[in-house]
Amino acid sequence: MSNPYFQFKQFTVWHDKCAMKVGTDGVLLGAWASVRNAHRILDIGTGTGLVALMLAQRSLPDANIVALEIDEAAAGQARENVARSSWKERIEVVQVDFKKYQSSAKFDVIVSNPPYFIDSLGCPDQQRNSARHNDSLTYEDLLAGVAGLLAEDGTFTIVIPADVADRVKMIASAKRMQAVRQLNVITKPGGIPRRTLITFSFANQECIVEELLTEVARHQYSKEYVALTREYYLNM
């Protein structure tokens, strides 16, 4: 049986009640997304609460984070993880379908590690299926909602499969959002990017594209990956 929790330097994430466990995608998003000068942050599809906790660790002391989760069990566990953390007064976990979520105030930063297996075979576990597949929250739905909630000078950062990056950029462009930062993630030397992180904004500026190799050998992390995640991982 896998460990029911994951210990980070400043917080612990229990994930035994969540379909999607703590993984590299979430850690990359939590470590790479900019929260500079952000006072209101929205995490769409928080799952265990991992990304919300990571952003709370390095955001402004008065930054408030709303973490949305559609699954009841995951939302409950995210609340428990937040309650055990040092930032419980700054993070609000809301169980809601993002397509129905409304806010009177805009957000400076929005992040999402969304369902990503398009048109792939569903798995028997319905909870895991909902977390992994984007049948219930398409990229079109996600980006339309983000466009309505993002402050004019805000940013939206997403982690997605590399092979859908162009499609997501096209959808975002139709909502006036342009890619301004992109990180292509390679898991082994000589490999091709499997994951991409993209930051969008309403500003029309050139996109800065970078590449990150996570491992130089099996279980041997690159110095760039260590530098990115050392404030979180115990063994970095």
C-alpha atoms as a PDB file:
ATOM      1  CA  MET A   1       0.000   0.000   0.000  1.00  0.00           C
ATOM      2  CA  SER A   2       1.318   3.443  -0.919  1.00  0.00           C
ATOM      3  CA  ASN A   3       2.008   6.000   1.775  1.00  0.00           C
ATOM      4  CA  PRO A   4      -1.244   7.824   2.724  1.00  0.00           C
ATOM      5  CA  TYR A   5       0.560  11.149   3.058  1.00  0.00           C
ATOM      6  CA  PHE A   6       3.431  13.130   1.534  1.00  0.00           C
ATOM      7  CA  GLN A   7       5.664  15.143   3.825  1.00  0.00           C
ATOM      8  CA  PHE A   8       7.004  18.478   2.581  1.00  0.00           C
ATOM      9  CA  LYS A   9       9.335  20.823   4.452  1.00  0.00           C
ATOM     10  CA  GLN A  10       6.627  23.095   5.827  1.00  0.00           C
ATOM     11  CA  PHE A  11       3.426  21.053   5.497  1.00  0.00           C
ATOM     12  CA  THR A  12       2.030  17.547   5.076  1.00  0.00           C
ATOM     13  CA  VAL A  13      -0.415  16.469   2.375  1.00  0.00           C
ATOM     14  CA  TRP A  14      -2.627  13.469   3.104  1.00  0.00           C
ATOM     15  CA  HIS A  15      -4.004  11.997  -0.119  1.00  0.00           C
ATOM     16  CA  ASP A  16      -5.575   8.652   0.786  1.00  0.00           C
ATOM     17  CA  LYS A  17      -9.108   9.987   0.162  1.00  0.00           C
ATOM     18  CA  CYS A  18      -8.254  11.648  -3.156  1.00  0.00           C
ATOM     19  CA  ALA A  19      -8.349  10.066  -6.595  1.00  0.00           C
ATOM     20  CA  MET A  20      -5.254  11.921  -7.738  1.00  0.00           C
ATOM     21  CA  LYS A  21      -2.277  11.635  -5.403  1.00  0.00           C
ATOM     22  CA  VAL A  22       0.572  14.080  -4.887  1.00  0.00           C
ATOM     23  CA  GLY A  23       2.533  14.101  -8.148  1.00  0.00           C
ATOM     24  CA  THR A  24       5.142  15.942 -10.146  1.00  0.00           C
ATOM     25  CA  ASP A  25       2.609  17.947 -12.174  1.00  0.00           C
ATOM     26  CA  GLY A  26       1.182  19.601  -9.079  1.00  0.00           C
ATOM     27  CA  VAL A  27       4.595  20.221  -7.547  1.00  0.00           C
ATOM     28  CA  LEU A  28       5.840  21.829 -10.760  1.00  0.00           C
ATOM     29  CA  LEU A  29       2.774  24.065 -10.946  1.00  0.00           C
ATOM     30  CA  GLY A  30       3.039  25.072  -7.297  1.00  0.00           C
ATOM     31  CA  ALA A  31       6.738  25.849  -7.580  1.00  0.00           C
ATOM     32  CA  TRP A  32       6.780  27.569 -11.002  1.00  0.00           C
ATOM     33  CA  ALA A  33       3.626  29.713 -11.133  1.00  0.00           C
ATOM     34  CA  SER A  34       4.359  33.339 -10.284  1.00  0.00           C
ATOM     35  CA  VAL A  35       2.527  34.822  -7.296  1.00  0.00           C
ATOM     36  CA  ARG A  36       4.394  38.114  -7.277  1.00  0.00           C
ATOM     37  CA  ASN A  37       2.259  40.943  -5.843  1.00  0.00           C
ATOM     38  CA  ALA A  38      -0.796  38.660  -5.777  1.00  0.00           C
ATOM     39  CA  HIS A  39      -3.403  39.317  -3.093  1.00  0.00           C
ATOM     40  CA  ARG A  40      -6.179  37.073  -4.433  1.00  0.00           C
ATOM     41  CA  ILE A  41      -5.311  33.617  -5.791  1.00  0.00           C
ATOM     42  CA  LEU A  42      -7.616  30.950  -7.239  1.00  0.00           C
ATOM     43  CA  ASP A  43      -6.673  27.257  -7.519  1.00  0.00           C
ATOM     44  CA  ILE A  44      -9.037  25.375  -9.852  1.00  0.00           C
ATOM     45  CA  GLY A  45      -9.261  21.642  -9.137  1.00  0.00           C
ATOM     46  CA  THR A  46      -7.227  21.711  -5.944  1.00  0.00           C
ATOM     47  CA  GLY A  47      -7.518  17.972  -5.220  1.00  0.00           C
ATOM     48  CA  THR A  48      -5.493  17.426  -2.028  1.00  0.00           C
ATOM     49  CA  GLY A  49      -4.862  21.163  -1.664  1.00  0.00           C
ATOM     50  CA  LEU A  50      -1.206  20.685  -2.631  1.00  0.00           C
ATOM     51  CA  VAL A  51      -0.863  23.627  -5.034  1.00  0.00           C
ATOM     52  CA  ALA A  52      -2.820  25.979  -2.777  1.00  0.00           C
ATOM     53  CA  LEU A  53      -0.501  25.113   0.124  1.00  0.00           C
ATOM     54  CA  MET A  54       2.606  25.559  -2.029  1.00  0.00           C
ATOM     55  CA  LEU A  55       1.431  28.981  -3.197  1.00  0.00           C
ATOM     56  CA  ALA A  56       0.524  29.998   0.355  1.00  0.00           C
ATOM     57  CA  GLN A  57       4.070  29.176   1.459  1.00  0.00           C
ATOM     58  CA  ARG A  58       5.649  31.715  -0.888  1.00  0.00           C
ATOM     59  CA  SER A  59       2.949  34.323  -1.508  1.00  0.00           C
ATOM     60  CA  LEU A  60       2.429  37.621   0.297  1.00  0.00           C
ATOM     61  CA  PRO A  61       1.482  37.304   3.991  1.00  0.00           C
ATOM     62  CA  ASP A  62      -1.915  38.867   3.239  1.00  0.00           C
ATOM     63  CA  ALA A  63      -2.617  36.838   0.087  1.00  0.00           C
ATOM     64  CA  ASN A  64      -5.892  34.905   0.240  1.00  0.00           C
ATOM     65  CA  ILE A  65      -6.361  31.677  -1.709  1.00  0.00           C
ATOM     66  CA  VAL A  66      -9.621  30.112  -2.851  1.00  0.00           C
ATOM     67  CA  ALA A  67      -9.203  26.419  -3.695  1.00  0.00           C
ATOM     68  CA  LEU A  68     -12.009  24.865  -5.754  1.00  0.00           C
ATOM     69  CA  GLU A  69     -12.714  21.128  -5.897  1.00  0.00           C
ATOM     70  CA  ILE A  70     -15.740  19.345  -7.379  1.00  0.00           C
ATOM     71  CA  ASP A  71     -15.237  16.008  -5.602  1.00  0.00           C
ATOM     72  CA  GLU A  72     -16.664  15.834  -2.080  1.00  0.00           C
ATOM     73  CA  ALA A  73     -14.065  13.445  -0.637  1.00  0.00           C
ATOM     74  CA  ALA A  74     -11.132  15.376  -2.126  1.00  0.00           C
ATOM     75  CA  ALA A  75     -12.542  18.711  -0.942  1.00  0.00           C
ATOM     76  CA  GLY A  76     -12.894  17.274   2.559  1.00  0.00           C
ATOM     77  CA  GLN A  77      -9.326  16.050   2.599  1.00  0.00           C
ATOM     78  CA  ALA A  78      -8.056  19.350   1.203  1.00  0.00           C
ATOM     79  CA  ARG A  79      -9.807  21.140   4.087  1.00  0.00           C
ATOM     80  CA  GLU A  80      -8.116  18.772   6.546  1.00  0.00           C
ATOM     81  CA  ASN A  81      -4.701  19.385   4.973  1.00  0.00           C
ATOM     82  CA  VAL A  82      -5.243  23.145   5.066  1.00  0.00           C
ATOM     83  CA  ALA A  83      -6.456  23.023   8.680  1.00  0.00           C
ATOM     84  CA  ARG A  84      -3.200  21.312   9.725  1.00  0.00           C
ATOM     85  CA  SER A  85      -1.066  23.924   7.963  1.00  0.00           C
ATOM     86  CA  SER A  86       0.301  27.311   8.981  1.00  0.00           C
ATOM     87  CA  TRP A  87      -1.924  29.045   6.421  1.00  0.00           C
ATOM     88  CA  LYS A  88      -5.389  27.838   7.441  1.00  0.00           C
ATOM     89  CA  GLU A  89      -6.618  31.429   7.845  1.00  0.00           C
ATOM     90  CA  ARG A  90      -5.605  32.292   4.277  1.00  0.00           C
ATOM     91  CA  ILE A  91      -6.924  29.298   2.296  1.00  0.00           C
ATOM     92  CA  GLU A  92     -10.612  28.610   1.699  1.00  0.00           C
ATOM     93  CA  VAL A  93     -11.545  25.250   0.150  1.00  0.00           C
ATOM     94  CA  VAL A  94     -14.837  25.375  -1.747  1.00  0.00           C
ATOM     95  CA  GLN A  95     -16.579  22.274  -3.072  1.00  0.00           C
ATOM     96  CA  VAL A  96     -18.127  23.403  -6.345  1.00  0.00           C
ATOM     97  CA  ASP A  97     -18.278  22.706 -10.047  1.00  0.00           C
ATOM     98  CA  PHE A  98     -16.021  25.363 -11.574  1.00  0.00           C
ATOM     99  CA  LYS A  99     -18.568  25.962 -14.339  1.00  0.00           C
ATOM    100  CA  LYS A 100     -20.989  27.173 -11.640  1.00  0.00           C
ATOM    101  CA  TYR A 101     -18.496  29.167  -9.575  1.00  0.00           C
ATOM    102  CA  GLN A 102     -18.961  32.915  -9.324  1.00  0.00           C
ATOM    103  CA  SER A 103     -16.957  35.629  -7.604  1.00  0.00           C
ATOM    104  CA  SER A 104     -17.708  39.327  -7.245  1.00  0.00           C
ATOM    105  CA  ALA A 105     -13.986  40.111  -7.086  1.00  0.00           C
ATOM    106  CA  LYS A 106     -11.358  39.266  -9.702  1.00  0.00           C
ATOM    107  CA  PHE A 107      -8.215  37.233  -8.995  1.00  0.00           C
ATOM    108  CA  ASP A 108      -4.613  38.379  -9.461  1.00  0.00           C
ATOM    109  CA  VAL A 109      -3.392  34.820 -10.020  1.00  0.00           C
ATOM    110  CA  ILE A 110      -5.291  31.740 -11.179  1.00  0.00           C
ATOM    111  CA  VAL A 111      -3.717  28.285 -11.443  1.00  0.00           C
ATOM    112  CA  SER A 112      -4.995  24.888 -12.527  1.00  0.00           C
ATOM    113  CA  ASN A 113      -3.795  21.313 -12.847  1.00  0.00           C
ATOM    114  CA  PRO A 114      -6.869  20.229 -14.815  1.00  0.00           C
ATOM    115  CA  PRO A 115      -8.193  16.851 -15.972  1.00  0.00           C
ATOM    116  CA  TYR A 116      -6.141  16.038 -19.020  1.00  0.00           C
ATOM    117  CA  PHE A 117      -6.843  12.702 -20.710  1.00  0.00           C
ATOM    118  CA  ILE A 118      -8.942  13.662 -23.734  1.00  0.00           C
ATOM    119  CA  ASP A 119     -10.971  10.926 -25.423  1.00  0.00           C
ATOM    120  CA  SER A 120      -8.978   8.240 -23.617  1.00  0.00           C
ATOM    121  CA  LEU A 121     -10.335   5.080 -22.049  1.00  0.00           C
ATOM    122  CA  GLY A 122     -12.157   5.771 -18.812  1.00  0.00           C
ATOM    123  CA  CYS A 123     -11.161   3.862 -15.706  1.00  0.00           C
ATOM    124  CA  PRO A 124     -13.634   1.928 -13.539  1.00  0.00           C
ATOM    125  CA  ASP A 125     -13.114   4.172 -10.504  1.00  0.00           C
ATOM    126  CA  GLN A 126     -15.526   7.060 -11.088  1.00  0.00           C
ATOM    127  CA  GLN A 127     -13.760   9.398  -8.649  1.00  0.00           C
ATOM    128  CA  ARG A 128     -10.401   8.869 -10.344  1.00  0.00           C
ATOM    129  CA  ASN A 129     -12.058   9.035 -13.745  1.00  0.00           C
ATOM    130  CA  SER A 130     -13.493  12.484 -13.009  1.00  0.00           C
ATOM    131  CA  ALA A 131     -10.137  13.715 -11.751  1.00  0.00           C
ATOM    132  CA  ARG A 132      -8.201  12.449 -14.775  1.00  0.00           C
ATOM    133  CA  HIS A 133     -10.526  13.096 -17.691  1.00  0.00           C
ATOM    134  CA  ASN A 134     -11.739  16.416 -19.012  1.00  0.00           C
ATOM    135  CA  ASP A 135     -15.232  15.278 -20.025  1.00  0.00           C
ATOM    136  CA  SER A 136     -16.771  17.376 -17.239  1.00  0.00           C
ATOM    137  CA  LEU A 137     -14.417  20.362 -17.577  1.00  0.00           C
ATOM    138  CA  THR A 138     -13.117  20.949 -21.090  1.00  0.00           C
ATOM    139  CA  TYR A 139     -10.325  23.359 -21.899  1.00  0.00           C
ATOM    140  CA  GLU A 140     -12.971  25.588 -23.505  1.00  0.00           C
ATOM    141  CA  ASP A 141     -14.980  25.627 -20.260  1.00  0.00           C
ATOM    142  CA  LEU A 142     -11.881  26.207 -18.169  1.00  0.00           C
ATOM    143  CA  LEU A 143     -10.501  29.101 -20.199  1.00  0.00           C
ATOM    144  CA  ALA A 144     -13.904  30.772 -20.579  1.00  0.00           C
ATOM    145  CA  GLY A 145     -14.319  30.720 -16.806  1.00  0.00           C
ATOM    146  CA  VAL A 146     -10.778  31.945 -16.183  1.00  0.00           C
ATOM    147  CA  ALA A 147     -11.210  34.863 -18.600  1.00  0.00           C
ATOM    148  CA  GLY A 148     -14.180  36.051 -16.573  1.00  0.00           C
ATOM    149  CA  LEU A 149     -12.455  35.742 -13.192  1.00  0.00           C
ATOM    150  CA  LEU A 150      -8.950  37.033 -13.976  1.00  0.00           C
ATOM    151  CA  ALA A 151      -7.967  40.610 -13.173  1.00  0.00           C
ATOM    152  CA  GLU A 152      -6.935  42.686 -16.185  1.00  0.00           C
ATOM    153  CA  ASP A 153      -3.299  42.606 -15.063  1.00  0.00           C
ATOM    154  CA  GLY A 154      -3.494  39.064 -13.654  1.00  0.00           C
ATOM    155  CA  THR A 155      -1.958  35.779 -14.795  1.00  0.00           C
ATOM    156  CA  PHE A 156      -3.283  32.262 -15.320  1.00  0.00           C
ATOM    157  CA  THR A 157      -0.889  29.308 -15.160  1.00  0.00           C
ATOM    158  CA  ILE A 158      -1.780  25.782 -16.226  1.00  0.00           C
ATOM    159  CA  VAL A 159       0.047  22.446 -16.470  1.00  0.00           C
ATOM    160  CA  ILE A 160      -1.008  20.320 -19.457  1.00  0.00           C
ATOM    161  CA  PRO A 161       0.256  17.567 -21.759  1.00  0.00           C
ATOM    162  CA  ALA A 162       2.753  19.052 -24.224  1.00  0.00           C
ATOM    163  CA  ASP A 163       0.794  17.754 -27.205  1.00  0.00           C
ATOM    164  CA  VAL A 164      -2.237  19.950 -26.453  1.00  0.00           C
ATOM    165  CA  ALA A 165      -0.285  23.168 -25.826  1.00  0.00           C
ATOM    166  CA  ASP A 166      -1.026  24.679 -29.239  1.00  0.00           C
ATOM    167  CA  ARG A 167      -4.716  23.888 -28.915  1.00  0.00           C
ATOM    168  CA  VAL A 168      -4.921  25.452 -25.468  1.00  0.00           C
ATOM    169  CA  LYS A 169      -3.102  28.566 -26.701  1.00  0.00           C
ATOM    170  CA  MET A 170      -5.609  28.896 -29.544  1.00  0.00           C
ATOM    171  CA  ILE A 171      -8.567  28.612 -27.165  1.00  0.00           C
ATOM    172  CA  ALA A 172      -6.976  31.144 -24.807  1.00  0.00           C
ATOM    173  CA  SER A 173      -6.339  33.566 -27.664  1.00  0.00           C
ATOM    174  CA  ALA A 174     -10.053  33.602 -28.443  1.00  0.00           C
ATOM    175  CA  LYS A 175     -10.545  34.810 -24.851  1.00  0.00           C
ATOM    176  CA  ARG A 176      -7.937  37.607 -25.248  1.00  0.00           C
ATOM    177  CA  MET A 177      -5.332  35.673 -23.258  1.00  0.00           C
ATOM    178  CA  GLN A 178      -1.829  35.275 -24.646  1.00  0.00           C
ATOM    179  CA  ALA A 179       0.977  32.966 -23.531  1.00  0.00           C
ATOM    180  CA  VAL A 180       3.738  34.976 -21.833  1.00  0.00           C
ATOM    181  CA  ARG A 181       5.779  32.167 -20.204  1.00  0.00           C
ATOM    182  CA  GLN A 182       6.171  28.507 -21.128  1.00  0.00           C
ATOM    183  CA  LEU A 183       8.134  25.702 -19.494  1.00  0.00           C
ATOM    184  CA  ASN A 184       8.578  22.472 -21.448  1.00  0.00           C
ATOM    185  CA  VAL A 185       9.302  19.598 -19.053  1.00  0.00           C
ATOM    186  CA  ILE A 186      11.547  16.671 -20.026  1.00  0.00           C
ATOM    187  CA  THR A 187      11.821  13.754 -17.619  1.00  0.00           C
ATOM    188  CA  LYS A 188      15.017  12.120 -18.931  1.00  0.00           C
ATOM    189  CA  PRO A 189      18.034  13.110 -21.063  1.00  0.00           C
ATOM    190  CA  GLY A 190      17.257  12.885 -24.776  1.00  0.00           C
ATOM    191  CA  GLY A 191      13.516  12.732 -24.133  1.00  0.00           C
ATOM    192  CA  ILE A 192      10.813  14.952 -25.547  1.00  0.00           C
ATOM    193  CA  PRO A 193       8.569  17.222 -23.460  1.00  0.00           C
ATOM    194  CA  ARG A 194       5.593  15.359 -21.992  1.00  0.00           C
ATOM    195  CA  ARG A 195       4.304  18.205 -19.858  1.00  0.00           C
ATOM    196  CA  THR A 196       4.130  21.924 -20.463  1.00  0.00           C
ATOM    197  CA  LEU A 197       3.402  24.751 -18.061  1.00  0.00           C
ATOM    198  CA  ILE A 198       2.044  27.931 -19.625  1.00  0.00           C
ATOM    199  CA  THR A 199       1.307  31.315 -18.076  1.00  0.00           C
ATOM    200  CA  PHE A 200      -1.317  33.438 -19.840  1.00  0.00           C
ATOM    201  CA  SER A 201      -2.190  37.081 -19.432  1.00  0.00           C
ATOM    202  CA  PHE A 202      -4.252  39.731 -21.204  1.00  0.00           C
ATOM    203  CA  ALA A 203      -1.013  41.549 -22.071  1.00  0.00           C
ATOM    204  CA  ASN A 204       0.252  41.242 -25.627  1.00  0.00           C
ATOM    205  CA  GLN A 205       3.933  40.411 -25.167  1.00  0.00           C
ATOM    206  CA  GLU A 206       6.479  37.919 -26.408  1.00  0.00           C
ATOM    207  CA  CYS A 207       6.326  34.492 -24.817  1.00  0.00           C
ATOM    208  CA  ILE A 208       9.467  33.393 -22.961  1.00  0.00           C
ATOM    209  CA  VAL A 209       9.980  29.662 -23.587  1.00  0.00           C
ATOM    210  CA  GLU A 210      12.236  27.576 -21.338  1.00  0.00           C
ATOM    211  CA  GLU A 211      13.033  23.900 -20.911  1.00  0.00           C
ATOM    212  CA  LEU A 212      13.417  21.893 -17.713  1.00  0.00           C
ATOM    213  CA  LEU A 213      15.034  18.466 -17.414  1.00  0.00           C
ATOM    214  CA  THR A 214      13.844  16.880 -14.167  1.00  0.00           C
ATOM    215  CA  GLU A 215      16.221  13.885 -13.918  1.00  0.00           C
ATOM    216  CA  VAL A 216      19.740  13.402 -15.285  1.00  0.00           C
ATOM    217  CA  ALA A 217      19.554   9.704 -14.284  1.00  0.00           C
ATOM    218  CA  ARG A 218      17.100   7.450 -12.461  1.00  0.00           C
ATOM    219  CA  HIS A 219      16.250   9.159  -9.131  1.00  0.00           C
ATOM    220  CA  GLN A 220      19.019  11.702  -9.725  1.00  0.00           C
ATOM    221  CA  TYR A 221      17.449  15.125 -10.101  1.00  0.00           C
ATOM    222  CA  SER A 222      18.888  17.902 -12.229  1.00  0.00           C
ATOM    223  CA  LYS A 223      20.265  20.971 -10.485  1.00  0.00           C
ATOM    224  CA  GLU A 224      17.571  23.073 -12.186  1.00  0.00           C
ATOM    225  CA  TYR A 225      14.779  20.886 -10.786  1.00  0.00           C
ATOM    226  CA  VAL A 226      16.384  20.927  -7.346  1.00  0.00           C
ATOM    227  CA  ALA A 227      16.625  24.730  -7.472  1.00  0.00           C
ATOM    228  CA  LEU A 228      12.950  24.989  -8.416  1.00  0.00           C
ATOM    229  CA  THR A 229      11.636  22.649  -5.718  1.00  0.00           C
ATOM    230  CA  ARG A 230      14.153  22.833  -2.861  1.00  0.00           C
ATOM    231  CA  GLU A 231      11.882  25.007  -0.707  1.00  0.00           C
ATOM    232  CA  TYR A 232       9.344  22.156  -0.670  1.00  0.00           C
ATOM    233  CA  TYR A 233      10.885  18.695  -0.962  1.00  0.00           C
ATOM    234  CA  LEU A 234      12.491  17.287   2.173  1.00  0.00           C
ATOM    235  CA  ASN A 235      15.335  15.612   0.263  1.00  0.00           C
ATOM    236  CA  MET A 236      16.319  18.588  -1.869  1.00  0.00           C
END
